[in-house]
Amino acid sequence: MTKKKLERTREKFGTIKTVKLDLTGQKDTSYLTNMYSNSAFAFGLCSDIENDKTLYGKVKLLEPFTTCRENLADKVIRRTCRGANDHGLPNRTCVVVSITSGKLGPKSPVPMGQFLDPKHVKNGKSIYSYKEHMLRSCEGSLNLLNHFEKRNKWLRTKLYKVEYNLETDRYIMYYFAGSKWWIQAPQTFSLFNLLIRLGRYDVIQKLHKNASYKSIIAALEEYANNDNFSDVYAVRNYKGWIKLLDNYKVVYKDRTEPFANWKGRISRFDGIQNLLNNNCNDNAMQKRFNSL
């Protein structure tokens, strides 16, 4: 296939689909009104895609954006405490990831700092705009998520671009729709959002769509040995991620009802790091994991 034909094929089949974002009840939250000037990633809990008989589907932001992935888990807890029939959570993992491009807009270079890979800086300036940085980050995250899902024979997470006045409001957003198994427990939901955060770095962005297990491990090892990266201490425990996901049905074997792992829990003691550090609030589950 010639280069031009290949490019046309990618344009036809490789374009990320777009969904609309319903912000009813959330427009006045601090993240959407403060116009942060830094490049902090934010996470939002969403509904599933609705078929509104238009070209694009629609999702609803269920809770305000947060820059902390464990705070996002708190929002799941608040909803599950309302009862199994009215918590409003979809039967799969639906998260919107946002970045604020500050006063200069989405085409401006990303400023140096902890949210930018040193390899993406040249002569003291970022080589990527906010738009480019966000797309590269989310595509890298998706490849990482899809690898673990393929390994576990789960449905693959899909990535969507979010239509929300990107040029005028300076927010760049992408929507991750993943397997229900990620959100069925605090530990796996925490890991889902951690894997999304890792996409910011070149070592993860270099992974291709169907990267081998060897390539994934090599990338995580390289990440874990670079103190310039955010979340580096969490990544050093990546063997524990694999242990949990490979034994998912064993660890959660008695939790058959949706969101049964969330009731009565406190997320700051139930994230993936606390499980791997033997400090999980769910003692029965911690004991089962330790026995593997």
C-alpha atoms as a PDB file:
ATOM      1  CA  MET A   1       0.000   0.000   0.000  1.00  0.00           C
ATOM      2  CA  THR A   2       1.377   3.416  -0.962  1.00  0.00           C
ATOM      3  CA  LYS A   3       1.949   6.079   1.643  1.00  0.00           C
ATOM      4  CA  LYS A   4      -0.941   8.236   0.410  1.00  0.00           C
ATOM      5  CA  LYS A   5      -3.357   5.289   0.431  1.00  0.00           C
ATOM      6  CA  LEU A   6      -2.222   4.368   3.941  1.00  0.00           C
ATOM      7  CA  GLU A   7      -2.855   7.915   5.125  1.00  0.00           C
ATOM      8  CA  ARG A   8      -6.359   7.882   3.597  1.00  0.00           C
ATOM      9  CA  THR A   9      -7.078   4.546   5.287  1.00  0.00           C
ATOM     10  CA  ARG A  10      -6.031   5.955   8.651  1.00  0.00           C
ATOM     11  CA  GLU A  11      -8.230   8.999   8.107  1.00  0.00           C
ATOM     12  CA  LYS A  12     -11.201   6.776   7.313  1.00  0.00           C
ATOM     13  CA  PHE A  13     -10.830   4.125   9.999  1.00  0.00           C
ATOM     14  CA  GLY A  14      -8.479   5.588  12.590  1.00  0.00           C
ATOM     15  CA  THR A  15     -10.413   8.721  13.576  1.00  0.00           C
ATOM     16  CA  ILE A  16     -11.481   8.834  17.218  1.00  0.00           C
ATOM     17  CA  LYS A  17     -15.254   9.145  17.494  1.00  0.00           C
ATOM     18  CA  THR A  18     -16.767  12.093  19.329  1.00  0.00           C
ATOM     19  CA  VAL A  19     -19.326  12.231  22.132  1.00  0.00           C
ATOM     20  CA  LYS A  20     -21.149  15.225  23.574  1.00  0.00           C
ATOM     21  CA  LEU A  21     -20.839  16.054  27.264  1.00  0.00           C
ATOM     22  CA  ASP A  22     -23.886  17.017  29.319  1.00  0.00           C
ATOM     23  CA  LEU A  23     -22.731  19.286  32.168  1.00  0.00           C
ATOM     24  CA  THR A  24     -26.167  19.851  33.716  1.00  0.00           C
ATOM     25  CA  GLY A  25     -25.664  20.669  37.390  1.00  0.00           C
ATOM     26  CA  GLN A  26     -21.860  20.716  37.103  1.00  0.00           C
ATOM     27  CA  LYS A  27     -21.057  23.901  35.163  1.00  0.00           C
ATOM     28  CA  ASP A  28     -20.366  25.973  38.282  1.00  0.00           C
ATOM     29  CA  THR A  29     -17.832  23.597  39.858  1.00  0.00           C
ATOM     30  CA  SER A  30     -14.375  25.020  40.621  1.00  0.00           C
ATOM     31  CA  TYR A  31     -12.507  23.099  37.945  1.00  0.00           C
ATOM     32  CA  LEU A  32     -14.748  24.414  35.167  1.00  0.00           C
ATOM     33  CA  THR A  33     -14.854  28.021  36.406  1.00  0.00           C
ATOM     34  CA  ASN A  34     -11.312  28.729  37.656  1.00  0.00           C
ATOM     35  CA  MET A  35      -9.550  28.251  34.307  1.00  0.00           C
ATOM     36  CA  TYR A  36      -6.455  26.724  35.884  1.00  0.00           C
ATOM     37  CA  SER A  37      -3.264  27.815  34.145  1.00  0.00           C
ATOM     38  CA  ASN A  38      -1.341  24.598  34.850  1.00  0.00           C
ATOM     39  CA  SER A  39      -1.527  21.274  33.035  1.00  0.00           C
ATOM     40  CA  ALA A  40      -3.114  19.177  35.790  1.00  0.00           C
ATOM     41  CA  PHE A  41      -5.153  16.215  34.630  1.00  0.00           C
ATOM     42  CA  ALA A  42      -8.667  15.994  36.010  1.00  0.00           C
ATOM     43  CA  PHE A  43     -11.046  13.030  36.169  1.00  0.00           C
ATOM     44  CA  GLY A  44     -14.836  12.999  35.974  1.00  0.00           C
ATOM     45  CA  LEU A  45     -17.290  10.180  36.628  1.00  0.00           C
ATOM     46  CA  CYS A  46     -19.746   9.816  33.739  1.00  0.00           C
ATOM     47  CA  SER A  47     -22.812   8.021  32.507  1.00  0.00           C
ATOM     48  CA  ASP A  48     -22.671   5.593  29.606  1.00  0.00           C
ATOM     49  CA  ILE A  49     -23.068   6.780  26.015  1.00  0.00           C
ATOM     50  CA  GLU A  50     -26.670   7.528  25.102  1.00  0.00           C
ATOM     51  CA  ASN A  51     -28.023   6.956  21.623  1.00  0.00           C
ATOM     52  CA  ASP A  52     -29.774  10.269  21.037  1.00  0.00           C
ATOM     53  CA  LYS A  53     -30.330   9.563  17.324  1.00  0.00           C
ATOM     54  CA  THR A  54     -27.772  12.151  16.255  1.00  0.00           C
ATOM     55  CA  LEU A  55     -24.376  11.743  14.679  1.00  0.00           C
ATOM     56  CA  TYR A  56     -22.761  11.660  18.112  1.00  0.00           C
ATOM     57  CA  GLY A  57     -23.725  10.014  21.369  1.00  0.00           C
ATOM     58  CA  LYS A  58     -24.014  11.869  24.657  1.00  0.00           C
ATOM     59  CA  VAL A  59     -22.594  11.293  28.144  1.00  0.00           C
ATOM     60  CA  LYS A  60     -23.486  13.081  31.386  1.00  0.00           C
ATOM     61  CA  LEU A  61     -20.984  14.224  33.979  1.00  0.00           C
ATOM     62  CA  LEU A  62     -22.315  12.631  37.172  1.00  0.00           C
ATOM     63  CA  GLU A  63     -19.922  14.239  39.660  1.00  0.00           C
ATOM     64  CA  PRO A  64     -17.584  17.278  39.585  1.00  0.00           C
ATOM     65  CA  PHE A  65     -14.104  16.921  38.118  1.00  0.00           C
ATOM     66  CA  THR A  66     -11.256  16.142  40.501  1.00  0.00           C
ATOM     67  CA  THR A  67      -7.496  16.138  39.996  1.00  0.00           C
ATOM     68  CA  CYS A  68      -7.110  13.241  42.461  1.00  0.00           C
ATOM     69  CA  ARG A  69      -7.947   9.704  41.297  1.00  0.00           C
ATOM     70  CA  GLU A  70      -8.733   8.580  44.856  1.00  0.00           C
ATOM     71  CA  ASN A  71     -11.217  11.444  45.263  1.00  0.00           C
ATOM     72  CA  LEU A  72     -12.916  10.090  42.164  1.00  0.00           C
ATOM     73  CA  ALA A  73     -13.318   6.793  44.016  1.00  0.00           C
ATOM     74  CA  ASP A  74     -14.984   8.692  46.875  1.00  0.00           C
ATOM     75  CA  LYS A  75     -17.606   9.852  44.396  1.00  0.00           C
ATOM     76  CA  VAL A  76     -18.355   6.229  43.486  1.00  0.00           C
ATOM     77  CA  ILE A  77     -18.764   5.427  47.174  1.00  0.00           C
ATOM     78  CA  ARG A  78     -21.237   8.256  47.685  1.00  0.00           C
ATOM     79  CA  ARG A  79     -23.327   6.968  44.804  1.00  0.00           C
ATOM     80  CA  THR A  80     -23.276   3.310  45.855  1.00  0.00           C
ATOM     81  CA  CYS A  81     -24.394   4.295  49.343  1.00  0.00           C
ATOM     82  CA  ARG A  82     -27.648   5.549  47.832  1.00  0.00           C
ATOM     83  CA  GLY A  83     -28.729   2.019  47.072  1.00  0.00           C
ATOM     84  CA  ALA A  84     -28.284  -0.514  44.300  1.00  0.00           C
ATOM     85  CA  ASN A  85     -31.213   0.718  42.230  1.00  0.00           C
ATOM     86  CA  ASP A  86     -30.702   4.479  42.193  1.00  0.00           C
ATOM     87  CA  HIS A  87     -26.953   5.160  42.321  1.00  0.00           C
ATOM     88  CA  GLY A  88     -26.955   6.089  38.634  1.00  0.00           C
ATOM     89  CA  LEU A  89     -23.666   4.385  37.826  1.00  0.00           C
ATOM     90  CA  PRO A  90     -23.372   2.690  34.428  1.00  0.00           C
ATOM     91  CA  ASN A  91     -22.612  -1.004  34.105  1.00  0.00           C
ATOM     92  CA  ARG A  92     -19.131  -0.242  32.829  1.00  0.00           C
ATOM     93  CA  THR A  93     -16.272   2.078  33.698  1.00  0.00           C
ATOM     94  CA  CYS A  94     -16.923   5.537  32.256  1.00  0.00           C
ATOM     95  CA  VAL A  95     -14.429   8.305  32.996  1.00  0.00           C
ATOM     96  CA  VAL A  96     -13.801  11.670  31.317  1.00  0.00           C
ATOM     97  CA  VAL A  97     -10.221  12.932  31.480  1.00  0.00           C
ATOM     98  CA  SER A  98      -9.671  16.665  31.090  1.00  0.00           C
ATOM     99  CA  ILE A  99      -6.722  19.021  30.843  1.00  0.00           C
ATOM    100  CA  THR A 100      -6.896  22.801  31.186  1.00  0.00           C
ATOM    101  CA  SER A 101      -4.887  24.692  28.621  1.00  0.00           C
ATOM    102  CA  GLY A 102      -4.851  27.970  30.543  1.00  0.00           C
ATOM    103  CA  LYS A 103      -5.254  31.462  29.185  1.00  0.00           C
ATOM    104  CA  LEU A 104      -3.312  30.898  25.951  1.00  0.00           C
ATOM    105  CA  GLY A 105      -5.535  28.103  24.686  1.00  0.00           C
ATOM    106  CA  PRO A 106      -5.176  24.501  23.463  1.00  0.00           C
ATOM    107  CA  LYS A 107      -2.659  25.319  20.722  1.00  0.00           C
ATOM    108  CA  SER A 108      -0.139  26.808  23.151  1.00  0.00           C
ATOM    109  CA  PRO A 109       2.872  24.713  24.297  1.00  0.00           C
ATOM    110  CA  VAL A 110       2.492  22.777  27.538  1.00  0.00           C
ATOM    111  CA  PRO A 111       4.612  24.468  30.264  1.00  0.00           C
ATOM    112  CA  MET A 112       7.478  22.590  31.848  1.00  0.00           C
ATOM    113  CA  GLY A 113       6.699  20.791  35.086  1.00  0.00           C
ATOM    114  CA  GLN A 114       5.814  17.456  36.632  1.00  0.00           C
ATOM    115  CA  PHE A 115       3.045  16.800  34.113  1.00  0.00           C
ATOM    116  CA  LEU A 116       5.375  16.909  31.110  1.00  0.00           C
ATOM    117  CA  ASP A 117       7.957  14.288  30.143  1.00  0.00           C
ATOM    118  CA  PRO A 118      11.520  15.755  30.019  1.00  0.00           C
ATOM    119  CA  LYS A 119      11.904  14.144  26.567  1.00  0.00           C
ATOM    120  CA  HIS A 120       9.126  16.419  25.321  1.00  0.00           C
ATOM    121  CA  VAL A 121      11.125  19.552  26.143  1.00  0.00           C
ATOM    122  CA  LYS A 122      13.595  21.120  23.708  1.00  0.00           C
ATOM    123  CA  ASN A 123      15.568  24.313  24.315  1.00  0.00           C
ATOM    124  CA  GLY A 124      13.515  24.924  27.430  1.00  0.00           C
ATOM    125  CA  LYS A 125      10.170  24.730  25.612  1.00  0.00           C
ATOM    126  CA  SER A 126       7.601  21.998  25.084  1.00  0.00           C
ATOM    127  CA  ILE A 127       7.613  20.421  21.632  1.00  0.00           C
ATOM    128  CA  TYR A 128       3.869  19.684  21.918  1.00  0.00           C
ATOM    129  CA  SER A 129       0.819  21.876  22.236  1.00  0.00           C
ATOM    130  CA  TYR A 130      -1.864  21.072  24.782  1.00  0.00           C
ATOM    131  CA  LYS A 131      -3.951  19.408  22.067  1.00  0.00           C
ATOM    132  CA  GLU A 132      -1.073  17.211  20.922  1.00  0.00           C
ATOM    133  CA  HIS A 133      -0.027  16.401  24.485  1.00  0.00           C
ATOM    134  CA  MET A 134      -3.528  15.366  25.495  1.00  0.00           C
ATOM    135  CA  LEU A 135      -4.069  13.128  22.469  1.00  0.00           C
ATOM    136  CA  ARG A 136      -0.678  11.427  22.819  1.00  0.00           C
ATOM    137  CA  SER A 137      -1.294  10.902  26.543  1.00  0.00           C
ATOM    138  CA  CYS A 138      -4.730   9.354  26.120  1.00  0.00           C
ATOM    139  CA  GLU A 139      -3.681   7.108  23.242  1.00  0.00           C
ATOM    140  CA  GLY A 140      -0.726   5.886  25.326  1.00  0.00           C
ATOM    141  CA  SER A 141      -3.042   5.215  28.271  1.00  0.00           C
ATOM    142  CA  LEU A 142      -5.445   3.332  26.020  1.00  0.00           C
ATOM    143  CA  ASN A 143      -2.732   0.998  24.705  1.00  0.00           C
ATOM    144  CA  LEU A 144      -1.672   0.238  28.276  1.00  0.00           C
ATOM    145  CA  LEU A 145      -5.246  -0.439  29.425  1.00  0.00           C
ATOM    146  CA  ASN A 146      -6.010  -2.585  26.379  1.00  0.00           C
ATOM    147  CA  HIS A 147      -2.958  -4.762  27.032  1.00  0.00           C
ATOM    148  CA  PHE A 148      -4.136  -5.733  30.517  1.00  0.00           C
ATOM    149  CA  GLU A 149      -7.697  -6.202  29.257  1.00  0.00           C
ATOM    150  CA  LYS A 150      -6.539  -8.480  26.465  1.00  0.00           C
ATOM    151  CA  ARG A 151      -4.473 -10.451  28.970  1.00  0.00           C
ATOM    152  CA  ASN A 152      -7.533 -10.829  31.198  1.00  0.00           C
ATOM    153  CA  LYS A 153      -9.990 -11.485  28.320  1.00  0.00           C
ATOM    154  CA  TRP A 154     -12.062  -8.412  29.183  1.00  0.00           C
ATOM    155  CA  LEU A 155     -13.805  -6.089  26.758  1.00  0.00           C
ATOM    156  CA  ARG A 156     -11.336  -3.465  25.555  1.00  0.00           C
ATOM    157  CA  THR A 157     -11.618   0.119  26.733  1.00  0.00           C
ATOM    158  CA  LYS A 158     -12.584   2.560  23.973  1.00  0.00           C
ATOM    159  CA  LEU A 159     -11.466   6.159  23.662  1.00  0.00           C
ATOM    160  CA  TYR A 160     -13.688   9.032  22.519  1.00  0.00           C
ATOM    161  CA  LYS A 161     -13.051  12.718  21.984  1.00  0.00           C
ATOM    162  CA  VAL A 162     -15.423  14.960  23.920  1.00  0.00           C
ATOM    163  CA  GLU A 163     -17.186  17.827  22.181  1.00  0.00           C
ATOM    164  CA  TYR A 164     -17.373  20.715  24.605  1.00  0.00           C
ATOM    165  CA  ASN A 165     -16.421  24.124  23.168  1.00  0.00           C
ATOM    166  CA  LEU A 166     -12.769  23.128  23.209  1.00  0.00           C
ATOM    167  CA  GLU A 167     -11.532  26.281  21.503  1.00  0.00           C
ATOM    168  CA  THR A 168     -13.499  28.811  23.526  1.00  0.00           C
ATOM    169  CA  ASP A 169     -13.468  27.213  26.976  1.00  0.00           C
ATOM    170  CA  ARG A 170      -9.907  25.915  26.743  1.00  0.00           C
ATOM    171  CA  TYR A 171     -10.740  22.426  28.023  1.00  0.00           C
ATOM    172  CA  ILE A 172      -9.481  19.372  26.162  1.00  0.00           C
ATOM    173  CA  MET A 173     -11.341  16.207  27.126  1.00  0.00           C
ATOM    174  CA  TYR A 174     -11.375  12.512  26.267  1.00  0.00           C
ATOM    175  CA  TYR A 175     -13.822   9.839  27.385  1.00  0.00           C
ATOM    176  CA  PHE A 176     -12.713   6.346  28.399  1.00  0.00           C
ATOM    177  CA  ALA A 177     -15.412   3.655  28.290  1.00  0.00           C
ATOM    178  CA  GLY A 178     -14.023   0.464  29.809  1.00  0.00           C
ATOM    179  CA  SER A 179     -14.968  -2.962  31.075  1.00  0.00           C
ATOM    180  CA  LYS A 180     -17.328  -3.136  34.046  1.00  0.00           C
ATOM    181  CA  TRP A 181     -14.690  -5.107  35.944  1.00  0.00           C
ATOM    182  CA  TRP A 182     -12.546  -2.027  36.473  1.00  0.00           C
ATOM    183  CA  ILE A 183     -15.248  -0.232  38.474  1.00  0.00           C
ATOM    184  CA  GLN A 184     -16.526  -3.233  40.442  1.00  0.00           C
ATOM    185  CA  ALA A 185     -13.872  -2.734  43.154  1.00  0.00           C
ATOM    186  CA  PRO A 186     -11.998   0.276  44.612  1.00  0.00           C
ATOM    187  CA  GLN A 187      -8.609  -1.315  43.931  1.00  0.00           C
ATOM    188  CA  THR A 188      -9.195  -1.916  40.228  1.00  0.00           C
ATOM    189  CA  PHE A 189     -10.895   1.461  39.761  1.00  0.00           C
ATOM    190  CA  SER A 190      -7.864   3.098  41.344  1.00  0.00           C
ATOM    191  CA  LEU A 191      -5.605   1.135  38.991  1.00  0.00           C
ATOM    192  CA  PHE A 192      -7.725   2.075  35.955  1.00  0.00           C
ATOM    193  CA  ASN A 193      -7.201   5.766  36.667  1.00  0.00           C
ATOM    194  CA  LEU A 194      -3.531   5.282  37.515  1.00  0.00           C
ATOM    195  CA  LEU A 195      -2.931   3.632  34.134  1.00  0.00           C
ATOM    196  CA  ILE A 196      -4.586   6.634  32.464  1.00  0.00           C
ATOM    197  CA  ARG A 197      -2.185   8.992  34.247  1.00  0.00           C
ATOM    198  CA  LEU A 198       0.852   7.063  33.030  1.00  0.00           C
ATOM    199  CA  GLY A 199       0.093   7.932  29.411  1.00  0.00           C
ATOM    200  CA  ARG A 200       1.656  11.366  29.874  1.00  0.00           C
ATOM    201  CA  TYR A 201       5.146   9.989  29.450  1.00  0.00           C
ATOM    202  CA  ASP A 202       7.097   9.121  26.333  1.00  0.00           C
ATOM    203  CA  VAL A 203       7.996   5.624  27.509  1.00  0.00           C
ATOM    204  CA  ILE A 204       4.274   4.722  27.541  1.00  0.00           C
ATOM    205  CA  GLN A 205       3.404   6.711  24.417  1.00  0.00           C
ATOM    206  CA  LYS A 206       5.936   4.673  22.438  1.00  0.00           C
ATOM    207  CA  LEU A 207       3.938   1.477  23.026  1.00  0.00           C
ATOM    208  CA  HIS A 208       1.985   0.408  19.962  1.00  0.00           C
ATOM    209  CA  LYS A 209      -1.619  -0.785  19.866  1.00  0.00           C
ATOM    210  CA  ASN A 210      -0.929  -4.496  20.371  1.00  0.00           C
ATOM    211  CA  ALA A 211       2.347  -4.296  22.267  1.00  0.00           C
ATOM    212  CA  SER A 212       3.767  -7.570  23.546  1.00  0.00           C
ATOM    213  CA  TYR A 213       3.908  -8.450  27.229  1.00  0.00           C
ATOM    214  CA  LYS A 214       7.690  -8.088  27.049  1.00  0.00           C
ATOM    215  CA  SER A 215       7.362  -4.552  25.652  1.00  0.00           C
ATOM    216  CA  ILE A 216       4.862  -3.571  28.355  1.00  0.00           C
ATOM    217  CA  ILE A 217       7.123  -4.820  31.142  1.00  0.00           C
ATOM    218  CA  ALA A 218      10.147  -3.091  29.623  1.00  0.00           C
ATOM    219  CA  ALA A 219       8.225   0.206  29.480  1.00  0.00           C
ATOM    220  CA  LEU A 220       7.047  -0.103  33.083  1.00  0.00           C
ATOM    221  CA  GLU A 221      10.585  -0.974  34.231  1.00  0.00           C
ATOM    222  CA  GLU A 222      11.963   2.083  32.453  1.00  0.00           C
ATOM    223  CA  TYR A 223       9.243   4.220  34.013  1.00  0.00           C
ATOM    224  CA  ALA A 224       9.891   2.829  37.493  1.00  0.00           C
ATOM    225  CA  ASN A 225      13.595   3.684  37.255  1.00  0.00           C
ATOM    226  CA  ASN A 226      13.067   7.354  36.338  1.00  0.00           C
ATOM    227  CA  ASP A 227      12.671   9.634  39.343  1.00  0.00           C
ATOM    228  CA  ASN A 228      11.616  12.515  37.075  1.00  0.00           C
ATOM    229  CA  PHE A 229       8.253  10.843  36.496  1.00  0.00           C
ATOM    230  CA  SER A 230       5.148  11.391  38.582  1.00  0.00           C
ATOM    231  CA  ASP A 231       3.623   8.207  40.130  1.00  0.00           C
ATOM    232  CA  VAL A 232       7.032   6.495  39.892  1.00  0.00           C
ATOM    233  CA  TYR A 233       6.686   4.886  43.332  1.00  0.00           C
ATOM    234  CA  ALA A 234       3.319   3.430  42.398  1.00  0.00           C
ATOM    235  CA  VAL A 235       4.721   1.993  39.157  1.00  0.00           C
ATOM    236  CA  ARG A 236       7.470   0.181  41.064  1.00  0.00           C
ATOM    237  CA  ASN A 237       4.691  -2.076  42.350  1.00  0.00           C
ATOM    238  CA  TYR A 238       3.483  -3.039  38.868  1.00  0.00           C
ATOM    239  CA  LYS A 239       3.997  -6.778  39.534  1.00  0.00           C
ATOM    240  CA  GLY A 240       1.258  -6.461  42.139  1.00  0.00           C
ATOM    241  CA  TRP A 241      -1.106  -5.040  39.484  1.00  0.00           C
ATOM    242  CA  ILE A 242      -0.547  -8.114  37.355  1.00  0.00           C
ATOM    243  CA  LYS A 243      -1.020 -10.382  40.368  1.00  0.00           C
ATOM    244  CA  LEU A 244      -4.370  -8.751  41.185  1.00  0.00           C
ATOM    245  CA  LEU A 245      -5.704  -8.720  37.620  1.00  0.00           C
ATOM    246  CA  ASP A 246      -4.561 -12.268  36.840  1.00  0.00           C
ATOM    247  CA  ASN A 247      -6.404 -13.493  39.946  1.00  0.00           C
ATOM    248  CA  TYR A 248      -9.406 -11.164  39.749  1.00  0.00           C
ATOM    249  CA  LYS A 249     -12.039 -13.907  39.997  1.00  0.00           C
ATOM    250  CA  VAL A 250     -10.269 -15.497  42.964  1.00  0.00           C
ATOM    251  CA  VAL A 251      -9.820 -12.272  44.931  1.00  0.00           C
ATOM    252  CA  TYR A 252     -13.419 -11.126  44.420  1.00  0.00           C
ATOM    253  CA  LYS A 253     -15.071 -14.541  44.213  1.00  0.00           C
ATOM    254  CA  ASP A 254     -17.713 -13.871  46.906  1.00  0.00           C
ATOM    255  CA  ARG A 255     -18.621 -10.370  45.680  1.00  0.00           C
ATOM    256  CA  THR A 256     -21.130 -11.288  42.989  1.00  0.00           C
ATOM    257  CA  GLU A 257     -23.446  -8.255  43.127  1.00  0.00           C
ATOM    258  CA  PRO A 258     -22.465  -5.073  41.256  1.00  0.00           C
ATOM    259  CA  PHE A 259     -20.476  -2.645  43.433  1.00  0.00           C
ATOM    260  CA  ALA A 260     -20.560  -5.038  46.398  1.00  0.00           C
ATOM    261  CA  ASN A 261     -16.915  -4.169  47.114  1.00  0.00           C
ATOM    262  CA  TRP A 262     -17.698  -0.469  47.626  1.00  0.00           C
ATOM    263  CA  LYS A 263     -20.290  -0.489  50.385  1.00  0.00           C
ATOM    264  CA  GLY A 264     -19.038   0.762  53.719  1.00  0.00           C
ATOM    265  CA  ARG A 265     -15.517   1.340  52.384  1.00  0.00           C
ATOM    266  CA  ILE A 266     -13.205   4.325  52.682  1.00  0.00           C
ATOM    267  CA  SER A 267     -11.377   4.842  49.413  1.00  0.00           C
ATOM    268  CA  ARG A 268      -8.151   6.257  50.838  1.00  0.00           C
ATOM    269  CA  PHE A 269      -7.585   2.867  52.453  1.00  0.00           C
ATOM    270  CA  ASP A 270      -8.799   0.873  49.482  1.00  0.00           C
ATOM    271  CA  GLY A 271      -6.768   2.134  46.523  1.00  0.00           C
ATOM    272  CA  ILE A 272      -4.330  -0.065  44.632  1.00  0.00           C
ATOM    273  CA  GLN A 273      -1.317   1.243  46.575  1.00  0.00           C
ATOM    274  CA  ASN A 274      -2.769   0.417  49.973  1.00  0.00           C
ATOM    275  CA  LEU A 275      -3.610  -3.090  48.832  1.00  0.00           C
ATOM    276  CA  LEU A 276      -0.041  -3.677  47.669  1.00  0.00           C
ATOM    277  CA  ASN A 277       1.322  -2.152  50.888  1.00  0.00           C
ATOM    278  CA  ASN A 278      -0.833  -4.485  53.024  1.00  0.00           C
ATOM    279  CA  ASN A 279      -2.872  -1.558  54.298  1.00  0.00           C
ATOM    280  CA  CYS A 280      -6.259  -2.147  52.678  1.00  0.00           C
ATOM    281  CA  ASN A 281      -9.379  -1.389  54.718  1.00  0.00           C
ATOM    282  CA  ASP A 282     -11.095  -4.509  53.346  1.00  0.00           C
ATOM    283  CA  ASN A 283      -9.402  -7.059  55.604  1.00  0.00           C
ATOM    284  CA  ALA A 284     -10.999 -10.129  54.041  1.00  0.00           C
ATOM    285  CA  MET A 285      -9.931  -9.111  50.567  1.00  0.00           C
ATOM    286  CA  GLN A 286      -6.446  -8.134  51.733  1.00  0.00           C
ATOM    287  CA  LYS A 287      -5.976 -11.549  53.325  1.00  0.00           C
ATOM    288  CA  ARG A 288      -7.141 -13.314  50.166  1.00  0.00           C
ATOM    289  CA  PHE A 289      -4.763 -11.256  48.019  1.00  0.00           C
ATOM    290  CA  ASN A 290      -1.829 -11.951  50.351  1.00  0.00           C
ATOM    291  CA  SER A 291      -2.440 -15.689  50.120  1.00  0.00           C
ATOM    292  CA  LEU A 292      -1.984 -15.789  46.328  1.00  0.00           C
END
